[in-house]
Amino acid sequence: YSLNSGSKIIFTNLTGMITQEAWESCGNGTVLIAFFANDTAGNLAFQEIIVYKDIIAPEITIMTPLNNLLSGHDTISFNLSINERNFDSSWYRDINHGFQL
């Protein structure tokens, strides 16, 4: 196989894993993976796929409440800004009572 039209990496089994070194050489974003096969007569075939590598953490900004806000018995609301192309989920943790939501 090769990644992003780079050097060929030889393997002999029909299943396996991309080597860590080769995977780390690919940056964030689109990765083109090409698989090749040949026979003893010299005939060559290949097929390509595209996968998306996401190695950048989301950017999160707490809009409200403000840091060190003084609050009483009433609960407070929050407003977040999250910048992430592949956003999945968000949650908060109450560090004083040991639970997560």
Protein backbone atom coordinates (compact mmCIF):
# COMPACT_ATOMS: atom_id res chain seq x y z
CA TYR A 1 0.00 0.00 0.00
CA SER A 2 0.96 3.66 -0.12
CA LEU A 3 -0.33 6.75 1.67
CA ASN A 4 -0.82 10.02 -0.21
CA SER A 5 1.09 8.67 -3.23
CA GLY A 6 4.19 8.11 -1.10
CA SER A 7 6.54 5.15 -0.87
CA LYS A 8 5.16 1.64 -1.25
CA ILE A 9 4.89 -0.38 1.94
CA ILE A 10 5.01 -4.13 1.30
CA PHE A 11 2.80 -6.56 3.24
CA THR A 12 1.88 -10.19 2.63
CA ASN A 13 -1.41 -10.77 4.46
CA LEU A 14 -4.87 -9.71 3.37
CA THR A 15 -5.54 -8.02 6.72
CA GLY A 16 -3.35 -5.82 8.85
CA MET A 17 -2.73 -2.30 10.06
CA ILE A 18 -1.14 0.75 8.51
CA THR A 19 2.27 1.14 10.16
CA GLN A 20 2.34 3.77 12.90
CA GLU A 21 5.29 5.53 11.28
CA ALA A 22 3.47 5.83 7.95
CA TRP A 23 0.25 6.99 9.64
CA GLU A 24 2.07 9.63 11.69
CA SER A 25 3.63 11.00 8.51
CA CYS A 26 0.13 11.95 7.31
CA GLY A 27 -1.14 15.23 8.64
CA ASN A 28 -4.64 16.20 9.67
CA GLY A 29 -7.24 15.89 6.91
CA THR A 30 -7.57 13.74 3.80
CA VAL A 31 -5.42 10.61 3.47
CA LEU A 32 -5.34 8.75 0.15
CA ILE A 33 -4.66 5.03 0.67
CA ALA A 34 -3.80 2.93 -2.38
CA PHE A 35 -3.65 -0.88 -2.24
CA PHE A 36 -1.81 -2.83 -4.92
CA ALA A 37 -1.68 -6.47 -6.05
CA ASN A 38 0.29 -8.19 -8.75
CA ASP A 39 0.56 -11.72 -10.08
CA THR A 40 3.46 -13.82 -11.36
CA ALA A 41 2.76 -12.70 -14.94
CA GLY A 42 3.43 -9.10 -13.92
CA ASN A 43 -0.16 -7.90 -14.09
CA LEU A 44 -0.82 -5.08 -11.64
CA ALA A 45 -4.07 -3.90 -10.09
CA PHE A 46 -4.76 -1.22 -7.51
CA GLN A 47 -7.62 0.46 -5.74
CA GLU A 48 -7.68 3.73 -3.80
CA ILE A 49 -9.78 5.02 -0.93
CA ILE A 50 -9.90 8.30 0.94
CA VAL A 51 -10.11 8.46 4.73
CA TYR A 52 -10.22 11.53 6.94
CA LYS A 53 -7.72 11.82 9.78
CA ASP A 54 -8.78 14.10 12.64
CA ILE A 55 -5.96 14.78 15.11
CA ILE A 56 -6.90 18.32 16.17
CA ALA A 57 -8.84 18.74 19.43
CA PRO A 58 -12.00 20.85 19.42
CA GLU A 59 -11.76 24.50 20.43
CA ILE A 60 -14.16 25.33 23.28
CA THR A 61 -14.95 28.75 24.69
CA ILE A 62 -17.19 29.30 27.71
CA MET A 63 -19.23 32.37 26.80
CA THR A 64 -21.25 32.32 30.05
CA PRO A 65 -21.11 32.11 32.98
CA LEU A 66 -18.14 34.33 33.58
CA ASN A 67 -15.24 32.92 35.56
CA ASN A 68 -15.61 33.24 39.37
CA LEU A 69 -19.32 34.13 39.11
CA LEU A 70 -21.02 34.36 42.50
CA SER A 71 -24.32 32.44 42.50
CA GLY A 72 -26.92 31.62 45.14
CA HIS A 73 -29.62 28.93 45.34
CA ASP A 74 -30.83 29.42 41.79
CA THR A 75 -29.13 27.42 39.08
CA ILE A 76 -27.07 29.10 36.39
CA SER A 77 -27.22 28.75 32.64
CA PHE A 78 -24.28 28.30 30.34
CA ASN A 79 -23.47 29.14 26.75
CA LEU A 80 -20.56 27.50 24.90
CA SER A 81 -18.88 28.05 21.58
CA ILE A 82 -17.36 24.87 20.11
CA ASN A 83 -15.34 24.92 16.92
CA GLU A 84 -14.96 21.38 15.55
CA ARG A 85 -15.60 20.06 12.05
CA ASN A 86 -16.43 16.55 13.32
CA PHE A 87 -18.30 17.54 16.50
CA ASP A 88 -19.76 14.57 18.39
CA SER A 89 -20.86 15.52 21.90
CA SER A 90 -20.25 17.78 24.87
CA TRP A 91 -20.79 17.45 28.62
CA TYR A 92 -19.92 19.11 31.87
CA ARG A 93 -18.59 17.85 35.16
CA ASP A 94 -19.54 19.07 38.63
CA ILE A 95 -16.18 18.92 40.40
CA ASN A 96 -17.74 19.66 43.80
CA HIS A 97 -20.18 16.74 43.79
CA GLY A 98 -18.34 14.22 41.62
CA PHE A 99 -20.86 13.67 38.83
CA GLN A 100 -20.89 14.24 35.08
CA LEU A 101 -23.73 15.17 32.77
